[in-house]
Amino acid sequence: DQPRILLCAGATKDMGKMLGGEEEKDPDAQKKEEERQEALRQQEEERKAKHARMEAEREKVRQQIRDKYGLKKKEEKEAEEKAALEQPCEGSLTRPKKAIPAGCGDEEEEEEESILDTVLKYLPGPLQDMFKK
């Protein structure tokens, strides 16, 4: 019977509120709410600190494994690949314009004439005469 009485006592208090009765106001409600919020903030900070410590330990173990097997971090690999792509390859067709030595391709007319001369060298004699006219 004891629990039943407690439930009823709580229920009657709530029923009084539902029926339009005035709520009992706790004079320390504001203070309790601030303390509760502060406790939640503190728990969240402790949780973040704990996760940061755990992640630092994991990173230490990862680094030991990398050192042992000569592996590199993903970021380091990407940086090296990017640097390798930026360096012009010898004989590359896609090198940037500024990497072309001076005097190569500066005058278009000379370039075209030299190509034409090169082609004419490989044509048979009668065709060479035809193109030279």
N, C-alpha and C. Protein backbone atom coordinates (compact mmCIF):
# COMPACT_ATOMS: atom_id res chain seq x y z
N ASP A 1 0.81 -1.19 0.00
CA ASP A 1 0.00 0.00 0.00
C ASP A 1 0.86 1.26 0.00
N GLN A 2 2.04 1.19 0.55
CA GLN A 2 2.88 2.38 0.62
C GLN A 2 3.16 2.98 -0.77
N PRO A 3 3.64 2.20 -1.75
CA PRO A 3 3.92 2.80 -3.06
C PRO A 3 2.68 3.39 -3.70
N ARG A 4 1.55 2.75 -3.47
CA ARG A 4 0.31 3.23 -4.05
C ARG A 4 -0.03 4.63 -3.52
N ILE A 5 0.20 4.85 -2.29
CA ILE A 5 -0.08 6.15 -1.69
C ILE A 5 0.85 7.21 -2.28
N LEU A 6 2.12 6.83 -2.46
CA LEU A 6 3.07 7.79 -3.03
C LEU A 6 2.67 8.14 -4.46
N LEU A 7 2.27 7.14 -5.23
CA LEU A 7 1.85 7.41 -6.60
C LEU A 7 0.62 8.30 -6.61
N CYS A 8 -0.29 8.02 -5.73
CA CYS A 8 -1.51 8.83 -5.69
C CYS A 8 -1.20 10.25 -5.25
N ALA A 9 -0.31 10.39 -4.32
CA ALA A 9 0.02 11.73 -3.84
C ALA A 9 0.63 12.53 -4.98
N GLY A 10 1.52 11.91 -5.74
CA GLY A 10 2.12 12.59 -6.88
C GLY A 10 1.08 12.88 -7.94
N ALA A 11 0.18 11.94 -8.15
CA ALA A 11 -0.84 12.11 -9.19
C ALA A 11 -1.80 13.24 -8.83
N THR A 12 -2.16 13.35 -7.56
CA THR A 12 -3.10 14.41 -7.19
C THR A 12 -2.46 15.78 -7.35
N LYS A 13 -1.16 15.85 -7.07
CA LYS A 13 -0.48 17.14 -7.24
C LYS A 13 -0.50 17.54 -8.71
N ASP A 14 -0.22 16.56 -9.61
CA ASP A 14 -0.23 16.84 -11.04
C ASP A 14 -1.64 17.13 -11.53
N MET A 15 -2.62 16.46 -10.98
CA MET A 15 -4.01 16.68 -11.41
C MET A 15 -4.46 18.09 -11.05
N GLY A 16 -3.99 18.56 -9.92
CA GLY A 16 -4.33 19.92 -9.53
C GLY A 16 -3.81 20.92 -10.55
N LYS A 17 -2.62 20.66 -11.10
CA LYS A 17 -2.06 21.55 -12.12
C LYS A 17 -2.88 21.47 -13.40
N MET A 18 -3.29 20.24 -13.77
CA MET A 18 -4.05 20.06 -15.00
C MET A 18 -5.42 20.73 -14.91
N LEU A 19 -5.99 20.72 -13.75
CA LEU A 19 -7.33 21.29 -13.59
C LEU A 19 -7.29 22.81 -13.47
N GLY A 20 -6.12 23.40 -13.59
CA GLY A 20 -6.03 24.85 -13.58
C GLY A 20 -5.57 25.40 -12.25
N GLY A 21 -5.15 24.54 -11.34
CA GLY A 21 -4.65 25.02 -10.06
C GLY A 21 -3.30 25.67 -10.24
N GLU A 22 -2.91 26.42 -9.30
CA GLU A 22 -1.62 27.10 -9.38
C GLU A 22 -0.49 26.12 -9.10
N GLU A 23 0.58 26.28 -9.88
CA GLU A 23 1.75 25.42 -9.68
C GLU A 23 2.49 25.87 -8.44
N GLU A 24 3.10 24.88 -7.79
CA GLU A 24 3.95 25.23 -6.66
C GLU A 24 5.25 25.74 -7.23
N LYS A 25 5.64 26.89 -6.83
CA LYS A 25 6.86 27.47 -7.36
C LYS A 25 8.00 27.21 -6.40
N ASP A 26 9.08 26.64 -6.97
CA ASP A 26 10.26 26.35 -6.18
C ASP A 26 11.11 27.62 -6.15
N PRO A 27 11.39 28.14 -4.99
CA PRO A 27 12.15 29.40 -4.92
C PRO A 27 13.58 29.24 -5.45
N ASP A 28 14.12 28.03 -5.40
CA ASP A 28 15.49 27.81 -5.86
C ASP A 28 15.53 27.17 -7.26
N ALA A 29 14.46 27.21 -8.00
CA ALA A 29 14.39 26.56 -9.32
C ALA A 29 15.45 27.13 -10.27
N GLN A 30 15.58 28.43 -10.30
CA GLN A 30 16.55 29.07 -11.19
C GLN A 30 17.97 28.64 -10.84
N LYS A 31 18.27 28.63 -9.56
CA LYS A 31 19.60 28.25 -9.10
C LYS A 31 19.89 26.79 -9.44
N LYS A 32 18.87 25.92 -9.23
CA LYS A 32 19.04 24.49 -9.54
C LYS A 32 19.27 24.27 -11.03
N GLU A 33 18.54 25.00 -11.86
CA GLU A 33 18.69 24.87 -13.31
C GLU A 33 20.10 25.31 -13.75
N GLU A 34 20.61 26.40 -13.18
CA GLU A 34 21.96 26.86 -13.52
C GLU A 34 23.00 25.83 -13.09
N GLU A 35 22.81 25.23 -11.91
CA GLU A 35 23.75 24.20 -11.44
C GLU A 35 23.70 22.99 -12.36
N ARG A 36 22.50 22.63 -12.80
CA ARG A 36 22.35 21.47 -13.68
C ARG A 36 23.05 21.74 -15.02
N GLN A 37 22.87 22.95 -15.55
CA GLN A 37 23.52 23.31 -16.81
C GLN A 37 25.05 23.30 -16.67
N GLU A 38 25.53 23.82 -15.54
CA GLU A 38 26.98 23.83 -15.29
C GLU A 38 27.51 22.41 -15.19
N ALA A 39 26.77 21.54 -14.52
CA ALA A 39 27.19 20.13 -14.40
C ALA A 39 27.24 19.48 -15.78
N LEU A 40 26.27 19.76 -16.63
CA LEU A 40 26.28 19.20 -17.99
C LEU A 40 27.48 19.70 -18.79
N ARG A 41 27.78 21.00 -18.66
CA ARG A 41 28.94 21.56 -19.36
C ARG A 41 30.23 20.89 -18.87
N GLN A 42 30.31 20.71 -17.57
CA GLN A 42 31.51 20.10 -16.99
C GLN A 42 31.66 18.66 -17.48
N GLN A 43 30.57 17.91 -17.52
CA GLN A 43 30.63 16.53 -18.01
C GLN A 43 31.05 16.49 -19.47
N GLU A 44 30.54 17.41 -20.26
CA GLU A 44 30.90 17.46 -21.68
C GLU A 44 32.39 17.77 -21.85
N GLU A 45 32.91 18.69 -21.07
CA GLU A 45 34.34 19.01 -21.14
C GLU A 45 35.19 17.81 -20.74
N GLU A 46 34.78 17.11 -19.69
CA GLU A 46 35.51 15.92 -19.26
C GLU A 46 35.48 14.86 -20.35
N ARG A 47 34.33 14.69 -20.99
CA ARG A 47 34.20 13.70 -22.05
C ARG A 47 35.12 14.05 -23.22
N LYS A 48 35.15 15.33 -23.61
CA LYS A 48 36.02 15.76 -24.71
C LYS A 48 37.49 15.55 -24.36
N ALA A 49 37.87 15.87 -23.12
CA ALA A 49 39.25 15.69 -22.69
C ALA A 49 39.63 14.21 -22.72
N LYS A 50 38.72 13.37 -22.27
CA LYS A 50 38.97 11.92 -22.27
C LYS A 50 39.17 11.43 -23.70
N HIS A 51 38.31 11.87 -24.63
CA HIS A 51 38.44 11.44 -26.02
C HIS A 51 39.72 11.97 -26.65
N ALA A 52 40.12 13.17 -26.29
CA ALA A 52 41.37 13.73 -26.82
C ALA A 52 42.57 12.91 -26.34
N ARG A 53 42.55 12.52 -25.06
CA ARG A 53 43.63 11.68 -24.52
C ARG A 53 43.67 10.33 -25.24
N MET A 54 42.50 9.73 -25.42
CA MET A 54 42.45 8.42 -26.10
C MET A 54 42.96 8.53 -27.53
N GLU A 55 42.57 9.58 -28.23
CA GLU A 55 43.01 9.77 -29.61
C GLU A 55 44.52 10.02 -29.67
N ALA A 56 45.05 10.74 -28.70
CA ALA A 56 46.50 10.98 -28.66
C ALA A 56 47.25 9.65 -28.47
N GLU A 57 46.72 8.80 -27.61
CA GLU A 57 47.34 7.49 -27.40
C GLU A 57 47.28 6.65 -28.68
N ARG A 58 46.14 6.69 -29.34
CA ARG A 58 46.00 5.94 -30.60
C ARG A 58 46.98 6.45 -31.65
N GLU A 59 47.11 7.77 -31.73
CA GLU A 59 48.01 8.35 -32.72
C GLU A 59 49.46 7.96 -32.42
N LYS A 60 49.80 7.87 -31.13
CA LYS A 60 51.15 7.45 -30.75
C LYS A 60 51.41 6.02 -31.24
N VAL A 61 50.43 5.14 -31.04
CA VAL A 61 50.57 3.75 -31.49
C VAL A 61 50.65 3.71 -33.01
N ARG A 62 49.81 4.50 -33.69
CA ARG A 62 49.86 4.54 -35.15
C ARG A 62 51.24 4.97 -35.64
N GLN A 63 51.81 5.99 -34.99
CA GLN A 63 53.11 6.49 -35.41
C GLN A 63 54.18 5.43 -35.21
N GLN A 64 54.09 4.68 -34.11
CA GLN A 64 55.05 3.60 -33.89
C GLN A 64 54.96 2.56 -35.01
N ILE A 65 53.75 2.25 -35.43
CA ILE A 65 53.57 1.29 -36.53
C ILE A 65 54.13 1.86 -37.83
N ARG A 66 53.86 3.15 -38.08
CA ARG A 66 54.39 3.78 -39.30
C ARG A 66 55.90 3.74 -39.31
N ASP A 67 56.52 4.05 -38.15
CA ASP A 67 57.98 4.03 -38.06
C ASP A 67 58.52 2.62 -38.28
N LYS A 68 57.86 1.64 -37.69
CA LYS A 68 58.32 0.25 -37.77
C LYS A 68 58.31 -0.24 -39.22
N TYR A 69 57.24 0.07 -39.97
CA TYR A 69 57.10 -0.46 -41.32
C TYR A 69 57.45 0.55 -42.41
N GLY A 70 57.88 1.73 -42.03
CA GLY A 70 58.28 2.74 -43.02
C GLY A 70 57.10 3.29 -43.80
N LEU A 71 55.97 3.39 -43.18
CA LEU A 71 54.78 3.92 -43.85
C LEU A 71 54.70 5.43 -43.64
N LYS A 72 53.88 6.08 -44.47
CA LYS A 72 53.71 7.52 -44.34
C LYS A 72 52.25 7.82 -44.07
N LYS A 73 52.02 8.96 -43.44
CA LYS A 73 50.65 9.40 -43.20
C LYS A 73 49.98 9.69 -44.52
N LYS A 74 48.66 9.62 -44.52
CA LYS A 74 47.89 9.89 -45.74
C LYS A 74 48.17 11.30 -46.24
N GLU A 75 48.23 12.27 -45.32
CA GLU A 75 48.46 13.65 -45.73
C GLU A 75 49.85 13.81 -46.37
N GLU A 76 50.85 13.11 -45.79
CA GLU A 76 52.20 13.20 -46.34
C GLU A 76 52.25 12.62 -47.75
N LYS A 77 51.56 11.49 -47.94
CA LYS A 77 51.53 10.85 -49.25
C LYS A 77 50.91 11.79 -50.28
N GLU A 78 49.78 12.39 -49.92
CA GLU A 78 49.09 13.29 -50.84
C GLU A 78 49.97 14.49 -51.17
N ALA A 79 50.69 15.03 -50.19
CA ALA A 79 51.56 16.17 -50.43
C ALA A 79 52.69 15.80 -51.39
N GLU A 80 53.26 14.60 -51.22
CA GLU A 80 54.34 14.17 -52.11
C GLU A 80 53.83 13.96 -53.53
N GLU A 81 52.64 13.35 -53.65
CA GLU A 81 52.07 13.12 -54.98
C GLU A 81 51.79 14.45 -55.67
N LYS A 82 51.28 15.42 -54.93
CA LYS A 82 50.98 16.72 -55.50
C LYS A 82 52.27 17.41 -55.95
N ALA A 83 53.31 17.32 -55.14
CA ALA A 83 54.59 17.93 -55.50
C ALA A 83 55.17 17.25 -56.74
N ALA A 84 55.01 15.93 -56.84
CA ALA A 84 55.52 15.20 -58.00
C ALA A 84 54.76 15.62 -59.27
N LEU A 85 53.47 15.87 -59.13
CA LEU A 85 52.69 16.29 -60.29
C LEU A 85 53.06 17.69 -60.74
N GLU A 86 53.42 18.54 -59.79
CA GLU A 86 53.75 19.93 -60.12
C GLU A 86 55.11 20.04 -60.81
N GLN A 87 56.02 19.11 -60.54
CA GLN A 87 57.33 19.16 -61.17
C GLN A 87 57.19 18.71 -62.63
N PRO A 88 57.71 19.49 -63.57
CA PRO A 88 57.59 19.09 -64.98
C PRO A 88 58.43 17.85 -65.25
N CYS A 89 57.84 16.90 -65.92
CA CYS A 89 58.55 15.67 -66.27
C CYS A 89 59.38 15.93 -67.52
N GLU A 90 60.49 15.25 -67.63
CA GLU A 90 61.37 15.39 -68.78
C GLU A 90 60.66 14.83 -70.00
N GLY A 91 60.53 15.65 -71.03
CA GLY A 91 59.89 15.21 -72.27
C GLY A 91 58.37 15.16 -72.16
N SER A 92 57.82 15.77 -71.16
CA SER A 92 56.37 15.76 -70.98
C SER A 92 55.70 16.64 -72.01
N LEU A 93 54.56 16.20 -72.51
CA LEU A 93 53.81 17.01 -73.47
C LEU A 93 52.92 18.03 -72.77
N THR A 94 52.72 17.86 -71.49
CA THR A 94 51.81 18.74 -70.77
C THR A 94 52.53 19.71 -69.84
N ARG A 95 53.78 19.98 -70.10
CA ARG A 95 54.51 20.89 -69.23
C ARG A 95 53.98 22.31 -69.40
N PRO A 96 54.10 23.13 -68.37
CA PRO A 96 53.60 24.50 -68.47
C PRO A 96 54.39 25.33 -69.47
N LYS A 97 53.78 26.39 -69.99
CA LYS A 97 54.42 27.21 -71.03
C LYS A 97 55.73 27.83 -70.55
N LYS A 98 55.78 28.26 -69.30
CA LYS A 98 56.98 28.93 -68.82
C LYS A 98 58.18 27.99 -68.76
N ALA A 99 57.94 26.66 -68.82
CA ALA A 99 59.04 25.71 -68.78
C ALA A 99 59.67 25.51 -70.15
N ILE A 100 59.08 26.09 -71.22
CA ILE A 100 59.65 25.96 -72.56
C ILE A 100 60.85 26.90 -72.66
N PRO A 101 61.99 26.39 -73.07
CA PRO A 101 63.18 27.24 -73.17
C PRO A 101 62.97 28.40 -74.13
N ALA A 102 63.69 29.49 -73.90
CA ALA A 102 63.59 30.68 -74.75
C ALA A 102 64.08 30.33 -76.15
N GLY A 103 63.38 30.88 -77.15
CA GLY A 103 63.79 30.63 -78.53
C GLY A 103 63.07 29.45 -79.16
N CYS A 104 62.39 28.67 -78.38
CA CYS A 104 61.65 27.54 -78.91
C CYS A 104 60.20 27.95 -79.10
N GLY A 105 59.78 28.09 -80.33
CA GLY A 105 58.38 28.40 -80.61
C GLY A 105 58.03 29.85 -80.42
N ASP A 106 59.01 30.74 -80.31
CA ASP A 106 58.68 32.15 -80.14
C ASP A 106 58.14 32.75 -81.44
N GLU A 107 58.81 32.45 -82.56
CA GLU A 107 58.35 32.98 -83.85
C GLU A 107 57.61 31.86 -84.57
N GLU A 108 56.32 32.09 -84.82
CA GLU A 108 55.50 31.04 -85.42
C GLU A 108 55.89 30.79 -86.88
N GLU A 109 56.26 31.83 -87.60
CA GLU A 109 56.56 31.66 -89.02
C GLU A 109 57.74 30.73 -89.21
N GLU A 110 58.79 30.92 -88.43
CA GLU A 110 59.96 30.06 -88.55
C GLU A 110 59.59 28.62 -88.24
N GLU A 111 58.76 28.44 -87.24
CA GLU A 111 58.35 27.10 -86.84
C GLU A 111 57.62 26.42 -87.99
N GLU A 112 56.70 27.14 -88.62
CA GLU A 112 55.94 26.55 -89.72
C GLU A 112 56.86 26.23 -90.90
N GLU A 113 57.78 27.12 -91.23
CA GLU A 113 58.68 26.87 -92.34
C GLU A 113 59.56 25.66 -92.08
N SER A 114 60.02 25.52 -90.87
CA SER A 114 60.90 24.38 -90.59
C SER A 114 60.12 23.07 -90.67
N ILE A 115 58.86 23.08 -90.30
CA ILE A 115 58.05 21.87 -90.41
C ILE A 115 57.83 21.53 -91.88
N LEU A 116 57.52 22.55 -92.68
CA LEU A 116 57.31 22.34 -94.11
C LEU A 116 58.58 21.80 -94.77
N ASP A 117 59.71 22.38 -94.41
CA ASP A 117 60.98 21.91 -94.97
C ASP A 117 61.23 20.46 -94.58
N THR A 118 60.92 20.12 -93.36
CA THR A 118 61.12 18.75 -92.89
C THR A 118 60.26 17.78 -93.68
N VAL A 119 59.01 18.14 -93.91
CA VAL A 119 58.10 17.27 -94.65
C VAL A 119 58.60 17.13 -96.10
N LEU A 120 59.05 18.24 -96.69
CA LEU A 120 59.51 18.20 -98.08
C LEU A 120 60.72 17.31 -98.25
N LYS A 121 61.54 17.21 -97.22
CA LYS A 121 62.74 16.37 -97.31
C LYS A 121 62.38 14.91 -97.55
N TYR A 122 61.24 14.48 -96.99
CA TYR A 122 60.88 13.07 -97.06
C TYR A 122 60.00 12.73 -98.25
N LEU A 123 59.59 13.73 -99.03
CA LEU A 123 58.77 13.46 -100.21
C LEU A 123 59.66 13.05 -101.38
N PRO A 124 59.12 12.28 -102.30
CA PRO A 124 59.90 11.94 -103.51
C PRO A 124 60.20 13.19 -104.34
N GLY A 125 61.22 13.14 -105.19
CA GLY A 125 61.70 14.29 -105.96
C GLY A 125 60.62 15.02 -106.74
N PRO A 126 59.78 14.34 -107.52
CA PRO A 126 58.79 15.08 -108.31
C PRO A 126 57.78 15.83 -107.43
N LEU A 127 57.41 15.27 -106.28
CA LEU A 127 56.47 15.95 -105.39
C LEU A 127 57.13 17.16 -104.73
N GLN A 128 58.44 17.06 -104.46
CA GLN A 128 59.15 18.19 -103.85
C GLN A 128 59.12 19.38 -104.80
N ASP A 129 59.35 19.12 -106.07
CA ASP A 129 59.34 20.20 -107.06
C ASP A 129 57.96 20.84 -107.12
N MET A 130 56.93 20.03 -107.05
CA MET A 130 55.56 20.54 -107.14
C MET A 130 55.26 21.50 -105.96
N PHE A 131 55.68 21.13 -104.75
CA PHE A 131 55.40 21.95 -103.58
C PHE A 131 56.27 23.20 -103.50
N LYS A 132 57.47 23.15 -104.07
CA LYS A 132 58.35 24.30 -104.01
C LYS A 132 57.85 25.44 -104.89
N LYS A 133 57.07 25.14 -105.89
CA LYS A 133 56.58 26.18 -106.81
C LYS A 133 55.46 26.89 -106.23
